[in-house]
Amino acid sequence: MTIDLHGLEEAEWLNEPPFWQRTPAGLVLETGERTDFWRGTYYGFDHRDGHFLGASVTDDFCATVTFEADYSVLYDQAGLMLRRDDETWVKAGIELTDGAAHFSVVVTRGGRSDWSAVRVPAVAGPQSIRLTRVRDAVLVHFLAAPGQWRFLRLADFSTDGALRVGPMACSPQRAGLKVRFLSFVLTPPAADPLHDPAGEGGVTA
């Protein structure tokens, strides 16, 4: 299998991980010690040291990533991030909490984070998640089965300025989470990204 990272040719690291490489099997990385992105809410801590490989984006877009990781410790996570700056960003992916994997979304606006999650009964093999930016909103979907994109979150993302989007990984309780990103694709959004995220003419959730 050859890695497909269309759109990441000019991407830049925010907090480059201690180990990463591009191989025929994917973009492989291992996280640093106690890394995360979170601002304030509930826990009272402020983390800005997670790993993010961001490609520049403008206007509306759809970003899709497929990835897998060796989740084993509380809050191990991998997926996608859309970022303006330390005050305004979204991360979405698989996160381990309470002993189970969850499709997880954190939205940070004005330097304060919120968190929503949906438990996944069993995670086996690669998972895919999608962020779609349309005007002042971000839509999040996850791939439940081939061709079946399930709606997870619609969040306000009214912001100006340069944006970056791309793979993200964190391990707030340890170092050494191993993650492999199999693909990253940037496309224009579907005509109806809320109800027809795959652009196939029918509701997929």
N, C-alpha and C. Protein backbone atom coordinates (compact mmCIF):
# COMPACT_ATOMS: atom_id res chain seq x y z
N MET A 1 0.85 -1.19 0.00
CA MET A 1 0.00 0.00 0.00
C MET A 1 0.88 1.25 0.00
N THR A 2 0.64 2.18 -0.89
CA THR A 2 1.41 3.41 -0.98
C THR A 2 0.67 4.53 -0.27
N ILE A 3 1.39 5.28 0.52
CA ILE A 3 0.77 6.36 1.26
C ILE A 3 0.20 7.43 0.32
N ASP A 4 -0.96 7.93 0.66
CA ASP A 4 -1.61 9.01 -0.09
C ASP A 4 -1.74 10.20 0.84
N LEU A 5 -0.87 11.19 0.67
CA LEU A 5 -0.90 12.38 1.52
C LEU A 5 -1.08 13.62 0.66
N HIS A 6 -1.99 13.54 -0.30
CA HIS A 6 -2.25 14.69 -1.16
C HIS A 6 -2.66 15.89 -0.30
N GLY A 7 -1.96 17.00 -0.48
CA GLY A 7 -2.28 18.20 0.27
C GLY A 7 -1.31 18.50 1.39
N LEU A 8 -0.44 17.56 1.74
CA LEU A 8 0.50 17.78 2.83
C LEU A 8 1.92 18.05 2.34
N GLU A 9 2.08 18.30 1.05
CA GLU A 9 3.43 18.50 0.51
C GLU A 9 4.14 19.67 1.16
N GLU A 10 3.41 20.75 1.46
CA GLU A 10 4.00 21.94 2.04
C GLU A 10 3.60 22.12 3.51
N ALA A 11 3.09 21.08 4.12
CA ALA A 11 2.63 21.18 5.52
C ALA A 11 3.81 21.39 6.47
N GLU A 12 3.52 22.03 7.60
CA GLU A 12 4.54 22.33 8.60
C GLU A 12 4.13 21.76 9.95
N TRP A 13 5.12 21.31 10.70
CA TRP A 13 4.87 20.79 12.03
C TRP A 13 4.67 21.92 13.05
N LEU A 14 3.68 21.75 13.89
CA LEU A 14 3.60 22.47 15.16
C LEU A 14 3.93 21.44 16.21
N ASN A 15 5.01 21.61 16.93
CA ASN A 15 5.48 20.64 17.93
C ASN A 15 5.83 19.31 17.25
N GLU A 16 6.89 19.32 16.49
CA GLU A 16 7.34 18.13 15.78
C GLU A 16 7.56 16.98 16.77
N PRO A 17 7.03 15.79 16.49
CA PRO A 17 7.19 14.66 17.41
C PRO A 17 8.64 14.19 17.47
N PRO A 18 9.02 13.51 18.55
CA PRO A 18 10.41 13.06 18.68
C PRO A 18 10.81 12.05 17.61
N PHE A 19 9.83 11.32 17.07
CA PHE A 19 10.11 10.41 15.97
C PHE A 19 8.97 10.48 14.96
N TRP A 20 9.32 10.62 13.68
CA TRP A 20 8.34 10.51 12.61
C TRP A 20 9.07 10.23 11.31
N GLN A 21 8.39 9.56 10.40
CA GLN A 21 8.93 9.34 9.08
C GLN A 21 7.81 8.97 8.11
N ARG A 22 8.05 9.25 6.85
CA ARG A 22 7.15 8.81 5.79
C ARG A 22 7.69 7.51 5.22
N THR A 23 6.85 6.50 5.18
CA THR A 23 7.23 5.20 4.65
C THR A 23 6.18 4.78 3.63
N PRO A 24 6.44 3.72 2.85
CA PRO A 24 5.42 3.23 1.93
C PRO A 24 4.13 2.82 2.64
N ALA A 25 4.22 2.55 3.95
CA ALA A 25 3.03 2.13 4.70
C ALA A 25 2.27 3.29 5.32
N GLY A 26 2.84 4.50 5.32
CA GLY A 26 2.13 5.63 5.90
C GLY A 26 3.07 6.62 6.56
N LEU A 27 2.46 7.69 7.08
CA LEU A 27 3.18 8.66 7.90
C LEU A 27 3.15 8.13 9.32
N VAL A 28 4.31 7.70 9.81
CA VAL A 28 4.41 7.05 11.11
C VAL A 28 5.01 8.04 12.11
N LEU A 29 4.44 8.07 13.32
CA LEU A 29 5.03 8.92 14.36
C LEU A 29 4.86 8.28 15.73
N GLU A 30 5.67 8.77 16.67
CA GLU A 30 5.53 8.43 18.08
C GLU A 30 5.47 9.73 18.88
N THR A 31 4.51 9.82 19.77
CA THR A 31 4.28 11.06 20.51
C THR A 31 5.32 11.29 21.60
N GLY A 32 5.47 12.57 21.95
CA GLY A 32 6.33 12.94 23.06
C GLY A 32 5.63 12.78 24.40
N GLU A 33 6.35 13.11 25.46
CA GLU A 33 5.87 12.92 26.83
C GLU A 33 4.75 13.91 27.17
N ARG A 34 3.58 13.37 27.57
CA ARG A 34 2.45 14.16 28.08
C ARG A 34 2.10 15.33 27.17
N THR A 35 1.77 15.01 25.94
CA THR A 35 1.43 16.02 24.94
C THR A 35 -0.08 16.12 24.78
N ASP A 36 -0.58 17.35 24.53
CA ASP A 36 -2.02 17.51 24.36
C ASP A 36 -2.30 18.91 23.81
N PHE A 37 -3.55 19.07 23.34
CA PHE A 37 -4.12 20.38 23.05
C PHE A 37 -5.38 20.52 23.90
N TRP A 38 -5.39 21.46 24.82
CA TRP A 38 -6.55 21.72 25.68
C TRP A 38 -6.38 23.07 26.34
N ARG A 39 -7.50 23.82 26.51
CA ARG A 39 -7.44 25.14 27.11
C ARG A 39 -8.47 25.28 28.23
N GLY A 40 -8.03 25.09 29.45
CA GLY A 40 -8.75 25.57 30.61
C GLY A 40 -9.92 24.80 31.15
N THR A 41 -10.98 24.63 30.36
CA THR A 41 -12.28 24.19 30.85
C THR A 41 -12.21 22.90 31.67
N TYR A 42 -12.85 22.89 32.79
CA TYR A 42 -13.04 21.76 33.70
C TYR A 42 -11.75 21.32 34.37
N TYR A 43 -10.73 20.98 33.58
CA TYR A 43 -9.48 20.47 34.15
C TYR A 43 -8.59 21.58 34.69
N GLY A 44 -8.74 22.79 34.14
CA GLY A 44 -7.94 23.90 34.61
C GLY A 44 -6.54 23.95 34.05
N PHE A 45 -6.20 23.01 33.17
CA PHE A 45 -4.84 23.07 32.63
C PHE A 45 -4.83 23.58 31.20
N ASP A 46 -3.64 23.94 30.76
CA ASP A 46 -3.45 24.57 29.46
C ASP A 46 -2.33 23.83 28.75
N HIS A 47 -2.69 23.05 27.73
CA HIS A 47 -1.69 22.30 26.96
C HIS A 47 -1.73 22.76 25.51
N ARG A 48 -0.55 23.04 24.97
CA ARG A 48 -0.42 23.47 23.58
C ARG A 48 0.71 22.71 22.89
N ASP A 49 1.03 21.52 23.39
CA ASP A 49 2.22 20.82 22.93
C ASP A 49 1.94 19.51 22.20
N GLY A 50 0.69 19.29 21.77
CA GLY A 50 0.40 18.14 20.92
C GLY A 50 1.08 18.28 19.56
N HIS A 51 1.06 17.21 18.79
CA HIS A 51 1.74 17.19 17.49
C HIS A 51 0.73 17.41 16.37
N PHE A 52 1.04 18.36 15.47
CA PHE A 52 0.11 18.74 14.42
C PHE A 52 0.90 19.07 13.16
N LEU A 53 0.57 18.39 12.06
CA LEU A 53 1.19 18.64 10.76
C LEU A 53 0.16 19.35 9.90
N GLY A 54 0.30 20.68 9.76
CA GLY A 54 -0.76 21.50 9.18
C GLY A 54 -0.46 21.99 7.79
N ALA A 55 -1.44 21.81 6.89
CA ALA A 55 -1.38 22.35 5.54
C ALA A 55 -2.24 23.60 5.47
N SER A 56 -1.80 24.59 4.73
CA SER A 56 -2.53 25.83 4.58
C SER A 56 -3.81 25.61 3.79
N VAL A 57 -4.93 26.20 4.27
CA VAL A 57 -6.21 26.09 3.59
C VAL A 57 -6.88 27.46 3.54
N THR A 58 -7.67 27.68 2.50
CA THR A 58 -8.45 28.90 2.35
C THR A 58 -9.85 28.53 1.90
N ASP A 59 -10.80 29.44 2.12
CA ASP A 59 -12.18 29.24 1.68
C ASP A 59 -12.76 27.97 2.30
N ASP A 60 -13.78 27.41 1.68
CA ASP A 60 -14.42 26.19 2.18
C ASP A 60 -13.65 24.97 1.68
N PHE A 61 -13.66 23.89 2.48
CA PHE A 61 -12.92 22.70 2.10
C PHE A 61 -13.45 21.50 2.88
N CYS A 62 -13.02 20.33 2.47
CA CYS A 62 -13.27 19.08 3.19
C CYS A 62 -11.94 18.37 3.36
N ALA A 63 -11.58 18.02 4.58
CA ALA A 63 -10.34 17.29 4.87
C ALA A 63 -10.69 15.93 5.46
N THR A 64 -10.11 14.89 4.91
CA THR A 64 -10.38 13.53 5.36
C THR A 64 -9.07 12.82 5.66
N VAL A 65 -8.99 12.16 6.82
CA VAL A 65 -7.80 11.42 7.18
C VAL A 65 -8.18 10.00 7.60
N THR A 66 -7.34 9.04 7.23
CA THR A 66 -7.48 7.65 7.67
C THR A 66 -6.23 7.29 8.46
N PHE A 67 -6.41 6.66 9.61
CA PHE A 67 -5.30 6.47 10.54
C PHE A 67 -5.56 5.28 11.45
N GLU A 68 -4.51 4.82 12.12
CA GLU A 68 -4.64 3.81 13.17
C GLU A 68 -3.56 4.06 14.21
N ALA A 69 -3.81 3.62 15.45
CA ALA A 69 -2.88 3.87 16.54
C ALA A 69 -2.99 2.76 17.58
N ASP A 70 -1.95 2.67 18.42
CA ASP A 70 -1.92 1.67 19.49
C ASP A 70 -2.43 2.30 20.78
N TYR A 71 -3.73 2.55 20.84
CA TYR A 71 -4.33 3.18 22.01
C TYR A 71 -4.27 2.23 23.21
N SER A 72 -3.76 2.71 24.33
CA SER A 72 -3.71 1.86 25.52
C SER A 72 -3.80 2.64 26.82
N VAL A 73 -3.55 3.95 26.81
CA VAL A 73 -3.51 4.76 28.03
C VAL A 73 -4.54 5.88 27.91
N LEU A 74 -5.10 6.26 29.05
CA LEU A 74 -6.12 7.31 29.10
C LEU A 74 -5.73 8.52 28.25
N TYR A 75 -6.67 8.95 27.41
CA TYR A 75 -6.58 10.12 26.54
C TYR A 75 -5.64 9.96 25.35
N ASP A 76 -5.08 8.78 25.11
CA ASP A 76 -4.37 8.55 23.84
C ASP A 76 -5.29 8.97 22.69
N GLN A 77 -4.76 9.69 21.70
CA GLN A 77 -5.64 10.23 20.66
C GLN A 77 -4.89 10.48 19.36
N ALA A 78 -5.63 10.39 18.26
CA ALA A 78 -5.09 10.69 16.94
C ALA A 78 -6.24 11.06 16.02
N GLY A 79 -5.94 11.89 15.00
CA GLY A 79 -6.99 12.27 14.06
C GLY A 79 -6.60 13.51 13.28
N LEU A 80 -7.53 14.48 13.22
CA LEU A 80 -7.38 15.70 12.44
C LEU A 80 -7.43 16.93 13.32
N MET A 81 -6.76 18.00 12.87
CA MET A 81 -6.87 19.29 13.54
C MET A 81 -7.04 20.38 12.51
N LEU A 82 -7.89 21.36 12.83
CA LEU A 82 -8.05 22.59 12.08
C LEU A 82 -7.70 23.73 13.03
N ARG A 83 -6.76 24.57 12.63
CA ARG A 83 -6.21 25.52 13.59
C ARG A 83 -6.00 26.89 12.97
N ARG A 84 -6.41 27.91 13.70
CA ARG A 84 -6.01 29.28 13.37
C ARG A 84 -4.82 29.69 14.23
N ASP A 85 -4.98 29.56 15.55
CA ASP A 85 -3.93 29.94 16.50
C ASP A 85 -4.23 29.25 17.82
N ASP A 86 -3.53 29.64 18.89
CA ASP A 86 -3.72 29.01 20.19
C ASP A 86 -5.13 29.19 20.75
N GLU A 87 -5.83 30.22 20.27
CA GLU A 87 -7.15 30.55 20.81
C GLU A 87 -8.30 29.89 20.05
N THR A 88 -8.05 29.44 18.80
CA THR A 88 -9.13 29.00 17.92
C THR A 88 -8.71 27.77 17.13
N TRP A 89 -9.31 26.62 17.47
CA TRP A 89 -8.96 25.38 16.78
C TRP A 89 -9.99 24.29 17.06
N VAL A 90 -9.93 23.25 16.22
CA VAL A 90 -10.77 22.06 16.38
C VAL A 90 -9.88 20.84 16.22
N LYS A 91 -10.06 19.84 17.08
CA LYS A 91 -9.41 18.56 16.85
C LYS A 91 -10.47 17.47 16.94
N ALA A 92 -10.31 16.44 16.11
CA ALA A 92 -11.31 15.37 16.04
C ALA A 92 -10.62 14.07 15.68
N GLY A 93 -11.05 12.98 16.30
CA GLY A 93 -10.45 11.69 16.00
C GLY A 93 -10.89 10.62 16.98
N ILE A 94 -10.05 9.62 17.14
CA ILE A 94 -10.27 8.58 18.14
C ILE A 94 -9.51 8.96 19.41
N GLU A 95 -10.19 8.86 20.56
CA GLU A 95 -9.56 9.13 21.86
C GLU A 95 -9.97 8.05 22.84
N LEU A 96 -9.02 7.58 23.62
CA LEU A 96 -9.30 6.54 24.61
C LEU A 96 -9.68 7.18 25.94
N THR A 97 -10.87 6.86 26.44
CA THR A 97 -11.29 7.35 27.75
C THR A 97 -12.19 6.32 28.41
N ASP A 98 -12.07 6.17 29.73
CA ASP A 98 -12.84 5.19 30.50
C ASP A 98 -12.71 3.79 29.90
N GLY A 99 -11.51 3.47 29.42
CA GLY A 99 -11.22 2.13 28.95
C GLY A 99 -11.78 1.78 27.59
N ALA A 100 -12.33 2.77 26.86
CA ALA A 100 -12.93 2.49 25.56
C ALA A 100 -12.56 3.61 24.58
N ALA A 101 -12.52 3.25 23.31
CA ALA A 101 -12.27 4.24 22.27
C ALA A 101 -13.54 5.05 22.01
N HIS A 102 -13.35 6.32 21.73
CA HIS A 102 -14.45 7.22 21.39
C HIS A 102 -14.08 8.05 20.17
N PHE A 103 -15.06 8.30 19.29
CA PHE A 103 -14.89 9.37 18.32
C PHE A 103 -15.09 10.67 19.09
N SER A 104 -14.08 11.52 19.06
CA SER A 104 -14.00 12.65 19.97
C SER A 104 -13.78 13.95 19.21
N VAL A 105 -14.40 15.03 19.69
CA VAL A 105 -14.23 16.36 19.09
C VAL A 105 -14.00 17.38 20.21
N VAL A 106 -12.95 18.18 20.07
CA VAL A 106 -12.71 19.31 20.97
C VAL A 106 -12.72 20.58 20.12
N VAL A 107 -13.53 21.54 20.52
CA VAL A 107 -13.60 22.84 19.85
C VAL A 107 -13.14 23.90 20.84
N THR A 108 -12.19 24.72 20.41
CA THR A 108 -11.65 25.78 21.27
C THR A 108 -11.88 27.12 20.60
N ARG A 109 -12.56 28.00 21.31
CA ARG A 109 -12.84 29.36 20.84
C ARG A 109 -12.61 30.31 21.99
N GLY A 110 -11.94 31.43 21.71
CA GLY A 110 -11.65 32.38 22.77
C GLY A 110 -10.77 31.80 23.87
N GLY A 111 -9.97 30.80 23.52
CA GLY A 111 -9.06 30.21 24.49
C GLY A 111 -9.71 29.29 25.49
N ARG A 112 -10.95 28.82 25.22
CA ARG A 112 -11.65 27.87 26.11
C ARG A 112 -12.11 26.67 25.30
N SER A 113 -11.84 25.47 25.81
CA SER A 113 -12.15 24.24 25.10
C SER A 113 -13.44 23.61 25.59
N ASP A 114 -14.16 22.94 24.66
CA ASP A 114 -15.23 22.03 25.06
C ASP A 114 -14.95 20.67 24.42
N TRP A 115 -15.71 19.65 24.85
CA TRP A 115 -15.41 18.28 24.43
C TRP A 115 -16.71 17.51 24.26
N SER A 116 -16.82 16.81 23.14
CA SER A 116 -17.93 15.87 22.93
C SER A 116 -17.36 14.56 22.40
N ALA A 117 -18.01 13.44 22.75
CA ALA A 117 -17.48 12.13 22.36
C ALA A 117 -18.60 11.12 22.23
N VAL A 118 -18.40 10.16 21.32
CA VAL A 118 -19.32 9.05 21.10
C VAL A 118 -18.53 7.75 21.23
N ARG A 119 -18.97 6.89 22.13
CA ARG A 119 -18.28 5.63 22.37
C ARG A 119 -18.33 4.73 21.14
N VAL A 120 -17.21 4.09 20.85
CA VAL A 120 -17.12 3.14 19.74
C VAL A 120 -17.03 1.74 20.34
N PRO A 121 -17.99 0.86 20.06
CA PRO A 121 -17.99 -0.46 20.70
C PRO A 121 -16.69 -1.23 20.51
N ALA A 122 -16.12 -1.18 19.32
CA ALA A 122 -14.87 -1.88 19.06
C ALA A 122 -14.14 -1.16 17.94
N VAL A 123 -12.87 -0.93 18.14
CA VAL A 123 -12.04 -0.31 17.12
C VAL A 123 -11.03 -1.33 16.64
N ALA A 124 -11.11 -1.67 15.38
CA ALA A 124 -10.17 -2.62 14.79
C ALA A 124 -9.75 -2.09 13.43
N GLY A 125 -8.46 -1.88 13.26
CA GLY A 125 -7.96 -1.41 11.98
C GLY A 125 -8.12 0.07 11.79
N PRO A 126 -7.85 0.55 10.59
CA PRO A 126 -7.88 1.99 10.31
C PRO A 126 -9.27 2.60 10.50
N GLN A 127 -9.26 3.87 10.94
CA GLN A 127 -10.48 4.65 11.11
C GLN A 127 -10.35 5.92 10.28
N SER A 128 -11.49 6.48 9.86
CA SER A 128 -11.48 7.70 9.06
C SER A 128 -12.38 8.75 9.70
N ILE A 129 -11.91 10.01 9.64
CA ILE A 129 -12.70 11.11 10.15
C ILE A 129 -12.58 12.28 9.18
N ARG A 130 -13.60 13.12 9.17
CA ARG A 130 -13.70 14.18 8.16
C ARG A 130 -14.11 15.49 8.82
N LEU A 131 -13.40 16.58 8.46
CA LEU A 131 -13.77 17.94 8.85
C LEU A 131 -14.13 18.72 7.60
N THR A 132 -15.29 19.36 7.62
CA THR A 132 -15.73 20.18 6.50
C THR A 132 -15.94 21.61 6.98
N ARG A 133 -15.26 22.56 6.36
CA ARG A 133 -15.43 23.97 6.68
C ARG A 133 -16.37 24.58 5.65
N VAL A 134 -17.47 25.16 6.11
CA VAL A 134 -18.42 25.87 5.24
C VAL A 134 -18.76 27.20 5.91
N ARG A 135 -18.27 28.27 5.32
CA ARG A 135 -18.48 29.64 5.83
C ARG A 135 -18.06 29.74 7.30
N ASP A 136 -19.01 29.89 8.22
CA ASP A 136 -18.67 30.10 9.63
C ASP A 136 -18.87 28.85 10.48
N ALA A 137 -18.86 27.66 9.84
CA ALA A 137 -19.13 26.43 10.57
C ALA A 137 -18.15 25.34 10.19
N VAL A 138 -17.98 24.38 11.12
CA VAL A 138 -17.22 23.16 10.85
C VAL A 138 -18.14 21.97 11.15
N LEU A 139 -18.19 21.04 10.20
CA LEU A 139 -18.95 19.80 10.37
C LEU A 139 -17.98 18.65 10.53
N VAL A 140 -18.29 17.75 11.46
CA VAL A 140 -17.43 16.59 11.72
C VAL A 140 -18.23 15.32 11.45
N HIS A 141 -17.64 14.42 10.66
CA HIS A 141 -18.22 13.11 10.37
C HIS A 141 -17.17 12.02 10.62
N PHE A 142 -17.63 10.83 10.96
CA PHE A 142 -16.73 9.68 11.00
C PHE A 142 -17.29 8.57 10.13
N LEU A 143 -16.40 7.73 9.63
CA LEU A 143 -16.79 6.66 8.73
C LEU A 143 -17.16 5.43 9.55
N ALA A 144 -18.47 5.13 9.62
CA ALA A 144 -18.95 4.00 10.41
C ALA A 144 -18.78 2.68 9.67
N ALA A 145 -18.90 2.72 8.35
CA ALA A 145 -18.77 1.55 7.48
C ALA A 145 -18.48 2.09 6.09
N PRO A 146 -17.99 1.26 5.18
CA PRO A 146 -17.69 1.77 3.84
C PRO A 146 -18.87 2.54 3.24
N GLY A 147 -18.63 3.81 2.90
CA GLY A 147 -19.66 4.64 2.30
C GLY A 147 -20.65 5.25 3.26
N GLN A 148 -20.50 5.00 4.57
CA GLN A 148 -21.46 5.47 5.57
C GLN A 148 -20.80 6.49 6.51
N TRP A 149 -20.87 7.75 6.13
CA TRP A 149 -20.35 8.82 6.97
C TRP A 149 -21.40 9.24 7.98
N ARG A 150 -21.08 9.13 9.26
CA ARG A 150 -22.02 9.47 10.33
C ARG A 150 -21.72 10.86 10.88
N PHE A 151 -22.76 11.63 11.06
CA PHE A 151 -22.63 13.00 11.58
C PHE A 151 -22.28 12.96 13.06
N LEU A 152 -21.30 13.78 13.46
CA LEU A 152 -20.86 13.82 14.85
C LEU A 152 -21.00 15.19 15.50
N ARG A 153 -20.74 16.27 14.74
CA ARG A 153 -20.74 17.59 15.38
C ARG A 153 -20.87 18.68 14.32
N LEU A 154 -21.64 19.71 14.64
CA LEU A 154 -21.68 20.96 13.89
C LEU A 154 -21.29 22.06 14.86
N ALA A 155 -20.18 22.74 14.59
CA ALA A 155 -19.65 23.72 15.53
C ALA A 155 -19.45 25.07 14.86
N ASP A 156 -19.62 26.11 15.63
CA ASP A 156 -19.31 27.45 15.16
C ASP A 156 -17.80 27.58 14.95
N PHE A 157 -17.41 28.14 13.80
CA PHE A 157 -15.99 28.41 13.55
C PHE A 157 -15.87 29.70 12.75
N SER A 158 -16.53 30.73 13.27
CA SER A 158 -16.50 32.03 12.61
C SER A 158 -15.20 32.73 12.97
N THR A 159 -14.27 32.76 12.02
CA THR A 159 -12.96 33.34 12.28
C THR A 159 -12.34 33.81 10.97
N ASP A 160 -11.53 34.82 11.06
CA ASP A 160 -10.75 35.29 9.93
C ASP A 160 -9.30 34.86 10.12
N GLY A 161 -8.51 35.02 9.08
CA GLY A 161 -7.09 34.73 9.20
C GLY A 161 -6.71 33.40 8.59
N ALA A 162 -5.41 33.16 8.53
CA ALA A 162 -4.87 31.94 7.92
C ALA A 162 -5.22 30.72 8.76
N LEU A 163 -5.56 29.64 8.08
CA LEU A 163 -5.90 28.39 8.74
C LEU A 163 -4.98 27.28 8.24
N ARG A 164 -4.79 26.28 9.09
CA ARG A 164 -4.08 25.07 8.70
C ARG A 164 -4.88 23.86 9.16
N VAL A 165 -4.77 22.77 8.39
CA VAL A 165 -5.48 21.54 8.72
C VAL A 165 -4.56 20.36 8.42
N GLY A 166 -4.69 19.30 9.22
CA GLY A 166 -3.87 18.13 8.97
C GLY A 166 -3.87 17.14 10.12
N PRO A 167 -3.02 16.11 10.04
CA PRO A 167 -2.96 15.07 11.07
C PRO A 167 -2.54 15.61 12.43
N MET A 168 -3.11 14.99 13.48
CA MET A 168 -2.86 15.40 14.87
C MET A 168 -2.73 14.14 15.72
N ALA A 169 -1.83 14.19 16.72
CA ALA A 169 -1.71 13.09 17.68
C ALA A 169 -1.23 13.64 19.01
N CYS A 170 -1.75 13.06 20.11
CA CYS A 170 -1.37 13.47 21.46
C CYS A 170 -1.41 12.26 22.39
N SER A 171 -0.64 12.36 23.47
CA SER A 171 -0.69 11.33 24.53
C SER A 171 -0.52 12.03 25.87
N PRO A 172 -1.62 12.56 26.45
CA PRO A 172 -1.53 13.39 27.66
C PRO A 172 -0.97 12.71 28.90
N GLN A 173 -0.99 11.36 28.94
CA GLN A 173 -0.56 10.66 30.14
C GLN A 173 0.75 9.89 29.97
N ARG A 174 1.38 10.01 28.81
CA ARG A 174 2.59 9.21 28.59
C ARG A 174 3.31 9.73 27.35
N ALA A 175 4.39 9.03 26.99
CA ALA A 175 5.06 9.22 25.71
C ALA A 175 4.94 7.91 24.91
N GLY A 176 5.17 8.01 23.60
CA GLY A 176 5.34 6.81 22.80
C GLY A 176 4.10 6.21 22.19
N LEU A 177 3.00 6.98 22.08
CA LEU A 177 1.86 6.48 21.32
C LEU A 177 2.27 6.38 19.85
N LYS A 178 2.11 5.20 19.29
CA LYS A 178 2.48 4.97 17.90
C LYS A 178 1.24 5.16 17.02
N VAL A 179 1.38 6.03 16.00
CA VAL A 179 0.28 6.36 15.11
C VAL A 179 0.75 6.22 13.67
N ARG A 180 -0.14 5.71 12.82
CA ARG A 180 0.16 5.61 11.40
C ARG A 180 -0.99 6.27 10.62
N PHE A 181 -0.67 7.30 9.86
CA PHE A 181 -1.64 7.97 9.00
C PHE A 181 -1.52 7.39 7.59
N LEU A 182 -2.62 6.80 7.13
CA LEU A 182 -2.62 6.11 5.85
C LEU A 182 -2.98 7.02 4.69
N SER A 183 -3.80 8.03 4.95
CA SER A 183 -4.17 8.96 3.88
C SER A 183 -4.63 10.27 4.47
N PHE A 184 -4.45 11.31 3.66
CA PHE A 184 -4.97 12.64 3.98
C PHE A 184 -5.35 13.27 2.65
N VAL A 185 -6.61 13.71 2.55
CA VAL A 185 -7.10 14.23 1.27
C VAL A 185 -7.86 15.53 1.52
N LEU A 186 -7.55 16.55 0.73
CA LEU A 186 -8.26 17.82 0.74
C LEU A 186 -9.07 17.95 -0.54
N THR A 187 -10.37 18.24 -0.41
CA THR A 187 -11.24 18.42 -1.56
C THR A 187 -12.20 19.57 -1.28
N PRO A 188 -12.91 20.06 -2.29
CA PRO A 188 -14.01 20.98 -2.01
C PRO A 188 -15.10 20.25 -1.23
N PRO A 189 -15.91 20.98 -0.44
CA PRO A 189 -16.98 20.31 0.31
C PRO A 189 -18.07 19.80 -0.61
N ALA A 190 -18.81 18.81 -0.13
CA ALA A 190 -19.98 18.32 -0.86
C ALA A 190 -21.03 19.43 -0.95
N ALA A 191 -21.94 19.30 -1.90
CA ALA A 191 -22.99 20.30 -2.07
C ALA A 191 -23.87 20.41 -0.82
N ASP A 192 -24.08 19.29 -0.13
CA ASP A 192 -24.87 19.27 1.10
C ASP A 192 -24.08 18.49 2.16
N PRO A 193 -23.06 19.10 2.75
CA PRO A 193 -22.18 18.34 3.64
C PRO A 193 -22.82 17.89 4.94
N LEU A 194 -23.96 18.47 5.33
CA LEU A 194 -24.61 18.03 6.56
C LEU A 194 -25.35 16.71 6.34
N HIS A 195 -26.12 16.62 5.27
CA HIS A 195 -26.95 15.43 5.05
C HIS A 195 -26.40 14.47 4.00
N ASP A 196 -25.46 14.95 3.19
CA ASP A 196 -24.88 14.11 2.15
C ASP A 196 -23.38 14.37 2.09
N PRO A 197 -22.65 14.01 3.17
CA PRO A 197 -21.24 14.38 3.26
C PRO A 197 -20.35 13.75 2.21
N ALA A 198 -20.77 12.61 1.67
CA ALA A 198 -19.98 11.95 0.64
C ALA A 198 -20.28 12.49 -0.76
N GLY A 199 -21.30 13.35 -0.85
CA GLY A 199 -21.66 13.90 -2.16
C GLY A 199 -22.24 12.88 -3.10
N GLU A 200 -22.96 11.92 -2.56
CA GLU A 200 -23.48 10.81 -3.37
C GLU A 200 -24.98 10.88 -3.59
N GLY A 201 -25.60 12.00 -3.13
CA GLY A 201 -27.00 12.19 -3.43
C GLY A 201 -27.97 11.57 -2.44
N GLY A 202 -27.48 11.16 -1.29
CA GLY A 202 -28.40 10.58 -0.31
C GLY A 202 -27.85 10.68 1.08
N VAL A 203 -28.69 10.61 2.08
CA VAL A 203 -28.26 10.67 3.47
C VAL A 203 -27.48 9.42 3.79
N THR A 204 -26.30 9.59 4.43
CA THR A 204 -25.44 8.44 4.71
C THR A 204 -25.39 8.10 6.18
N ALA A 205 -26.13 8.83 7.02
CA ALA A 205 -26.10 8.54 8.44
C ALA A 205 -27.38 7.83 8.85
